[in-house]
Amino acid sequence: MLGFLQGFSYGLFMTCLPWLLVGLVNPRLAVGTETPARWQVIVRYCLVVPFIGMLLWLTSLWGGFGPSLPGWLAGIVAIPLALPLERRLRGWRRHRRERRLLAQREAESRQRRKRQAGEAHEAGVAVLDPARPPVDADSLVLAMCRAKQSLLEASRPDLAVQADRLYSRYRHVLAVLSGRFDTGELAFERARGLVAEVCLGAVDTLNAMASQARGVASVDADFVRRRLAAAGERLGEEERAALMRRLELVEETERRLAELAARNESALTVLDDTAVAMARIETGRPQASLTTDLALEELRRFVEGADRYGHGSG
């Protein structure tokens, strides 16, 4: 065994100089890192490998001087065999690190979307479940469910909240209309038709938002920004232009989504205005059979009569 180690150390010493020259010409042939440099070649074949060979040689001297031929041959082929293994190991570690970073970015993205959805959610807003629509859902509510499902599939729960808000306004306005008008009145049908038209336009906007969001769903803007910041000047012009174009696509889409969201906010405001205006309408259908003044007068007479009844019985 000691003879094998001694021969192995001699083989390493013999191959250091050839690999150093090869590495100075082309560092990729002599170093297993992803982006090797010449200083890495010099450190490896002038310091690291000679140090390993010297350590093995000193260790083998305990058995005397007697290098073996198999050890010498193993030392000669050690570096050519180790380089592919090193590249494979480094590639495996790099892929594992990238998968971990990708999973972390996806988790961060989900948390950010969830936080944004929570911030965009108003108090008292009913939540639509696309998988289980309301029992009394009409075609318009079903269209809202489908639009919300499309936004959720595009990984935009922050935008899908608008479907919940639209549904809540729609339900509230219909409740106000039902309280102010009879369902058979022409005014009720006219107002309900106009509300439905506004909501249909908002649903179309939600579908357009889902289509826009799906277009850039596969583009990780955070990764592109980190790539541009980390690589810096090492990026080639072609790669830099491609990364910048991805960012432009994402930014253009976000601007378009903001415009569509603002359009829906206008529609929600119109529905709020409609509900308030309808609630102020007096339809001439009082719930009490007597007016307030008349009821107070009748109550006063009843109290006076009761007082006389008490004196008479005394």
Foldseek 3Di string as FASTA:
>chain_A
DLLLLQLLLVLLLVCLVVLLVVCVVPVVVQALDPDDDNVVSCCCSVPVSNVVSVVSNVVSCVVPDHHDPNSNVCNNCVRVVVNVVSNVVVVVVVVVVVVVVVVVLVVVLLVVLVVLLVVLADPPFDDADLVDGDPPDDPLLNLLSVLLVLCVVLVRSNLSNLSSLLVRLLVLLLVLLVVQDPCPDPVSVVVNVVLSVLSVVLSVLSNVLSVLSNVLSVPDLVVLVVVCVVCPPVDDPVVVVVSVVSNVSVVVSVVVSVVSVVVSVVSSVVSVVSSVVSNPDDNPDDPDPDDPVVVVVVVVVVVVVVVVVVVVVD
